[in-house]
């Protein structure tokens, strides 16, 4: 699911937005559903590669759209 928010907060993208630089935060909307969130167990072997592929596809689509 893709969700747009006009009320961004927290995380790494905010420093860009605060400087008027367009930015996007692409994360799992329900961080609490991921048991390794912000833990030392958050390693590549615990990452859902199918979800990563969807994020990559959405990112590429956005980049292509911006390029035109």
Protein backbone atom coordinates (compact mmCIF):
# COMPACT_ATOMS: atom_id res chain seq x y z
CA UNK A 1 0.00 0.00 0.00
CA UNK A 2 1.24 3.48 -0.83
CA UNK A 3 0.16 6.29 1.42
CA UNK A 4 0.84 10.00 1.05
CA UNK A 5 1.07 12.20 4.11
CA UNK A 6 1.08 15.99 4.07
CA UNK A 7 2.17 15.94 7.71
CA UNK A 8 5.63 14.35 7.67
CA UNK A 9 7.44 13.79 10.93
CA UNK A 10 10.55 12.11 12.29
CA UNK A 11 13.09 9.96 10.50
CA UNK A 12 15.89 10.73 8.07
CA UNK A 13 13.88 12.47 5.35
CA UNK A 14 12.96 15.42 7.56
CA UNK A 15 16.33 17.16 7.27
CA UNK A 16 15.79 17.32 3.50
CA UNK A 17 12.19 18.52 3.76
CA UNK A 18 13.24 21.17 6.28
CA UNK A 19 15.65 22.56 3.66
CA UNK A 20 12.90 22.55 0.98
CA UNK A 21 14.48 19.54 -0.77
CA UNK A 22 11.87 17.05 -2.01
CA UNK A 23 12.15 13.75 -0.17
CA UNK A 24 10.27 10.51 0.29
CA UNK A 25 10.23 8.06 3.16
CA UNK A 26 9.56 4.52 2.05
CA UNK A 27 9.03 2.24 5.01
CA UNK A 28 6.82 -0.49 6.28
CA UNK A 29 3.75 1.41 7.47
CA UNK A 30 3.41 -0.83 10.52
CA UNK A 31 6.87 -0.86 12.07
CA UNK A 32 5.57 -2.61 15.18
CA UNK A 33 4.56 -5.63 13.09
CA UNK A 34 8.25 -6.21 12.30
CA UNK A 35 9.73 -7.84 15.41
CA UNK A 36 13.31 -6.77 14.59
CA UNK A 37 12.57 -3.04 14.22
CA UNK A 38 15.41 -0.98 15.76
CA UNK A 39 17.05 -4.07 17.23
CA UNK A 40 20.42 -5.71 16.65
CA UNK A 41 18.49 -8.59 15.07
CA UNK A 42 17.48 -6.30 12.18
CA UNK A 43 19.83 -8.01 9.76
CA UNK A 44 19.54 -8.78 6.07
CA UNK A 45 18.52 -12.39 6.72
CA UNK A 46 15.41 -11.13 8.56
CA UNK A 47 14.34 -8.73 5.82
CA UNK A 48 11.36 -9.61 3.62
CA UNK A 49 13.00 -9.61 0.19
CA UNK A 50 9.64 -9.60 -1.57
CA UNK A 51 8.77 -6.36 0.20
CA UNK A 52 12.18 -4.93 -0.69
CA UNK A 53 11.45 -5.72 -4.34
CA UNK A 54 8.14 -3.82 -4.14
CA UNK A 55 9.89 -0.81 -2.58
CA UNK A 56 12.55 -0.92 -5.31
CA UNK A 57 9.88 -1.12 -8.01
CA UNK A 58 7.98 1.84 -6.54
CA UNK A 59 11.22 3.83 -6.20
CA UNK A 60 12.22 3.14 -9.79
CA UNK A 61 8.75 4.12 -10.99
CA UNK A 62 9.01 7.40 -9.11
CA UNK A 63 12.45 8.12 -10.54
CA UNK A 64 11.27 7.38 -14.07
CA UNK A 65 8.29 9.68 -13.56
CA UNK A 66 10.54 12.48 -12.30
CA UNK A 67 12.89 12.03 -15.27
CA UNK A 68 10.16 12.81 -17.80
